Amino acid sequence: MTSHSEQLTKVLPMLEVAYQSKHMKLAAIARRIATLKAQVAQLDGPRGGDLAQPSTRAGADVLWETWVMGRKTVLQRDIALASRDLENHRADVAQAFAKLEVARRLQQKLQAEDAKAAERRISW
């Protein structure tokens, strides 16, 4: 093995860990978005507005609807921010993956060159 190949062998695990870490963070952001969307869907569920209910006549449903609208606004803002983070982080993951793949291919190339050099030495 040449010194470059040895150095690359030492660097590859670090690149792999960096890629896996970024990928896991991307997955966590995606899970956060799914959770927030599920909360919005829950708020969009059916609600009763029966006028025979005393709470409806007292205006509690209006207060509830106001709270639901405010909560949905907050959730939708959080979804937008998380989506922005997701898009920004995708570039980081792609860059980490590209570095890892380049290092892997370079290592394969160096190993092939080392094998050819060793084969030439044996044939002398």
C-alpha atoms as a PDB file:
ATOM      1  CA  MET A   1       0.000   0.000   0.000  1.00  0.00           C
ATOM      2  CA  THR A   2       1.224   3.451  -0.790  1.00  0.00           C
ATOM      3  CA  SER A   3       1.137   6.214   1.754  1.00  0.00           C
ATOM      4  CA  HIS A   4      -1.801   7.836  -0.059  1.00  0.00           C
ATOM      5  CA  SER A   5      -3.764   4.626   0.051  1.00  0.00           C
ATOM      6  CA  GLU A   6      -3.016   4.218   3.750  1.00  0.00           C
ATOM      7  CA  GLN A   7      -4.087   7.770   4.482  1.00  0.00           C
ATOM      8  CA  LEU A   8      -7.278   7.289   2.533  1.00  0.00           C
ATOM      9  CA  THR A   9      -8.006   4.107   4.456  1.00  0.00           C
ATOM     10  CA  LYS A  10      -7.824   6.144   7.659  1.00  0.00           C
ATOM     11  CA  VAL A  11     -10.032   8.940   6.310  1.00  0.00           C
ATOM     12  CA  LEU A  12     -12.805   6.770   4.850  1.00  0.00           C
ATOM     13  CA  PRO A  13     -14.379   5.795   8.207  1.00  0.00           C
ATOM     14  CA  MET A  14     -14.508   9.454   9.228  1.00  0.00           C
ATOM     15  CA  LEU A  15     -16.226  10.390   5.976  1.00  0.00           C
ATOM     16  CA  GLU A  16     -18.685   7.541   6.469  1.00  0.00           C
ATOM     17  CA  VAL A  17     -19.517   8.716   9.997  1.00  0.00           C
ATOM     18  CA  ALA A  18     -19.949  12.304   8.794  1.00  0.00           C
ATOM     19  CA  TYR A  19     -22.312  11.170   6.040  1.00  0.00           C
ATOM     20  CA  GLN A  20     -24.348   8.939   8.370  1.00  0.00           C
ATOM     21  CA  SER A  21     -24.625  11.742  10.917  1.00  0.00           C
ATOM     22  CA  LYS A  22     -25.906  14.218   8.355  1.00  0.00           C
ATOM     23  CA  HIS A  23     -28.283  11.631   6.935  1.00  0.00           C
ATOM     24  CA  MET A  24     -29.709  10.886  10.385  1.00  0.00           C
ATOM     25  CA  LYS A  25     -30.273  14.603  10.995  1.00  0.00           C
ATOM     26  CA  LEU A  26     -32.091  14.839   7.671  1.00  0.00           C
ATOM     27  CA  ALA A  27     -34.324  11.929   8.696  1.00  0.00           C
ATOM     28  CA  ALA A  28     -35.048  13.613  12.041  1.00  0.00           C
ATOM     29  CA  ILE A  29     -36.137  16.793  10.271  1.00  0.00           C
ATOM     30  CA  ALA A  30     -38.404  14.774   7.963  1.00  0.00           C
ATOM     31  CA  ARG A  31     -39.966  13.037  10.990  1.00  0.00           C
ATOM     32  CA  ARG A  32     -40.542  16.438  12.613  1.00  0.00           C
ATOM     33  CA  ILE A  33     -42.372  17.654   9.507  1.00  0.00           C
ATOM     34  CA  ALA A  34     -44.542  14.517   9.466  1.00  0.00           C
ATOM     35  CA  THR A  35     -45.409  15.011  13.152  1.00  0.00           C
ATOM     36  CA  LEU A  36     -46.364  18.632  12.595  1.00  0.00           C
ATOM     37  CA  LYS A  37     -48.514  17.726   9.585  1.00  0.00           C
ATOM     38  CA  ALA A  38     -50.267  15.075  11.654  1.00  0.00           C
ATOM     39  CA  GLN A  39     -51.035  17.678  14.321  1.00  0.00           C
ATOM     40  CA  VAL A  40     -52.522  19.997  11.699  1.00  0.00           C
ATOM     41  CA  ALA A  41     -54.619  17.116  10.355  1.00  0.00           C
ATOM     42  CA  GLN A  42     -55.905  16.428  13.871  1.00  0.00           C
ATOM     43  CA  LEU A  43     -56.999  20.027  14.217  1.00  0.00           C
ATOM     44  CA  ASP A  44     -58.792  19.786  10.869  1.00  0.00           C
ATOM     45  CA  GLY A  45     -60.866  16.868  12.202  1.00  0.00           C
ATOM     46  CA  PRO A  46     -64.623  17.031  12.687  1.00  0.00           C
ATOM     47  CA  ARG A  47     -65.996  19.261  15.440  1.00  0.00           C
ATOM     48  CA  GLY A  48     -69.555  19.478  16.619  1.00  0.00           C
ATOM     49  CA  GLY A  49     -71.402  22.754  16.669  1.00  0.00           C
ATOM     50  CA  ASP A  50     -74.696  21.670  18.198  1.00  0.00           C
ATOM     51  CA  LEU A  51     -76.701  24.720  19.264  1.00  0.00           C
ATOM     52  CA  ALA A  52     -78.418  22.670  21.969  1.00  0.00           C
ATOM     53  CA  GLN A  53     -75.130  22.480  23.863  1.00  0.00           C
ATOM     54  CA  PRO A  54     -74.769  25.129  26.570  1.00  0.00           C
ATOM     55  CA  SER A  55     -71.084  25.601  25.712  1.00  0.00           C
ATOM     56  CA  THR A  56     -72.010  26.508  22.141  1.00  0.00           C
ATOM     57  CA  ARG A  57     -74.577  29.009  23.282  1.00  0.00           C
ATOM     58  CA  ALA A  58     -72.055  30.540  25.694  1.00  0.00           C
ATOM     59  CA  GLY A  59     -69.541  31.113  22.881  1.00  0.00           C
ATOM     60  CA  ALA A  60     -67.029  28.439  23.873  1.00  0.00           C
ATOM     61  CA  ASP A  61     -66.971  27.069  20.322  1.00  0.00           C
ATOM     62  CA  VAL A  62     -65.976  30.473  19.009  1.00  0.00           C
ATOM     63  CA  LEU A  63     -63.121  30.564  21.500  1.00  0.00           C
ATOM     64  CA  TRP A  64     -62.161  27.033  20.521  1.00  0.00           C
ATOM     65  CA  GLU A  65     -62.196  27.883  16.817  1.00  0.00           C
ATOM     66  CA  THR A  66     -60.047  30.945  17.496  1.00  0.00           C
ATOM     67  CA  TRP A  67     -57.559  28.802  19.402  1.00  0.00           C
ATOM     68  CA  VAL A  68     -57.539  26.169  16.635  1.00  0.00           C
ATOM     69  CA  MET A  69     -56.864  28.809  13.973  1.00  0.00           C
ATOM     70  CA  GLY A  70     -54.014  30.262  16.022  1.00  0.00           C
ATOM     71  CA  ARG A  71     -52.539  26.822  16.693  1.00  0.00           C
ATOM     72  CA  LYS A  72     -52.745  25.861  13.015  1.00  0.00           C
ATOM     73  CA  THR A  73     -50.948  29.072  12.105  1.00  0.00           C
ATOM     74  CA  VAL A  74     -48.135  28.241  14.524  1.00  0.00           C
ATOM     75  CA  LEU A  75     -47.915  24.656  13.255  1.00  0.00           C
ATOM     76  CA  GLN A  76     -47.867  25.755   9.619  1.00  0.00           C
ATOM     77  CA  ARG A  77     -45.094  28.243  10.385  1.00  0.00           C
ATOM     78  CA  ASP A  78     -43.124  25.464  12.089  1.00  0.00           C
ATOM     79  CA  ILE A  79     -43.688  23.220   9.060  1.00  0.00           C
ATOM     80  CA  ALA A  80     -42.393  25.957   6.766  1.00  0.00           C
ATOM     81  CA  LEU A  81     -39.287  26.465   8.915  1.00  0.00           C
ATOM     82  CA  ALA A  82     -38.634  22.727   9.135  1.00  0.00           C
ATOM     83  CA  SER A  83     -39.095  22.400   5.369  1.00  0.00           C
ATOM     84  CA  ARG A  84     -36.553  25.159   4.863  1.00  0.00           C
ATOM     85  CA  ASP A  85     -34.142  23.345   7.177  1.00  0.00           C
ATOM     86  CA  LEU A  86     -34.778  20.115   5.281  1.00  0.00           C
ATOM     87  CA  GLU A  87     -33.921  21.699   1.937  1.00  0.00           C
ATOM     88  CA  ASN A  88     -30.814  23.375   3.338  1.00  0.00           C
ATOM     89  CA  HIS A  89     -29.660  20.157   4.964  1.00  0.00           C
ATOM     90  CA  ARG A  90     -30.173  18.126   1.782  1.00  0.00           C
ATOM     91  CA  ALA A  91     -27.293  20.045   0.218  1.00  0.00           C
ATOM     92  CA  ASP A  92     -25.064  19.141   3.182  1.00  0.00           C
ATOM     93  CA  VAL A  93     -26.012  15.472   2.900  1.00  0.00           C
ATOM     94  CA  ALA A  94     -25.366  15.479  -0.841  1.00  0.00           C
ATOM     95  CA  GLN A  95     -21.969  17.083  -0.310  1.00  0.00           C
ATOM     96  CA  ALA A  96     -21.023  14.560   2.403  1.00  0.00           C
ATOM     97  CA  PHE A  97     -22.138  11.700   0.152  1.00  0.00           C
ATOM     98  CA  ALA A  98     -20.138  13.085  -2.781  1.00  0.00           C
ATOM     99  CA  LYS A  99     -16.996  13.308  -0.641  1.00  0.00           C
ATOM    100  CA  LEU A 100     -17.504   9.754   0.561  1.00  0.00           C
ATOM    101  CA  GLU A 101     -18.005   8.399  -2.953  1.00  0.00           C
ATOM    102  CA  VAL A 102     -14.972  10.248  -4.314  1.00  0.00           C
ATOM    103  CA  ALA A 103     -12.852   8.865  -1.496  1.00  0.00           C
ATOM    104  CA  ARG A 104     -14.145   5.324  -2.102  1.00  0.00           C
ATOM    105  CA  ARG A 105     -13.431   5.498  -5.825  1.00  0.00           C
ATOM    106  CA  LEU A 106     -10.018   7.002  -5.224  1.00  0.00           C
ATOM    107  CA  GLN A 107      -9.233   4.216  -2.786  1.00  0.00           C
ATOM    108  CA  GLN A 108     -10.311   1.609  -5.362  1.00  0.00           C
ATOM    109  CA  LYS A 109      -8.134   3.274  -7.988  1.00  0.00           C
ATOM    110  CA  LEU A 110      -5.129   3.387  -5.664  1.00  0.00           C
ATOM    111  CA  GLN A 111      -5.624  -0.242  -4.666  1.00  0.00           C
ATOM    112  CA  ALA A 112      -5.784  -1.256  -8.331  1.00  0.00           C
ATOM    113  CA  GLU A 113      -2.599   0.695  -9.042  1.00  0.00           C
ATOM    114  CA  ASP A 114      -0.902  -0.923  -6.041  1.00  0.00           C
ATOM    115  CA  ALA A 115      -1.956  -4.367  -7.265  1.00  0.00           C
ATOM    116  CA  LYS A 116      -0.584  -3.656 -10.752  1.00  0.00           C
ATOM    117  CA  ALA A 117       2.692  -2.389  -9.297  1.00  0.00           C
ATOM    118  CA  ALA A 118       2.994  -5.481  -7.111  1.00  0.00           C
ATOM    119  CA  GLU A 119       2.268  -7.697 -10.114  1.00  0.00           C
ATOM    120  CA  ARG A 120       4.974  -5.964 -12.146  1.00  0.00           C
ATOM    121  CA  ARG A 121       7.474  -6.433  -9.318  1.00  0.00           C
ATOM    122  CA  ILE A 122       6.679 -10.133  -9.135  1.00  0.00           C
ATOM    123  CA  SER A 123       7.101 -10.625 -12.880  1.00  0.00           C
ATOM    124  CA  TRP A 124      10.681  -9.290 -12.877  1.00  0.00           C
END
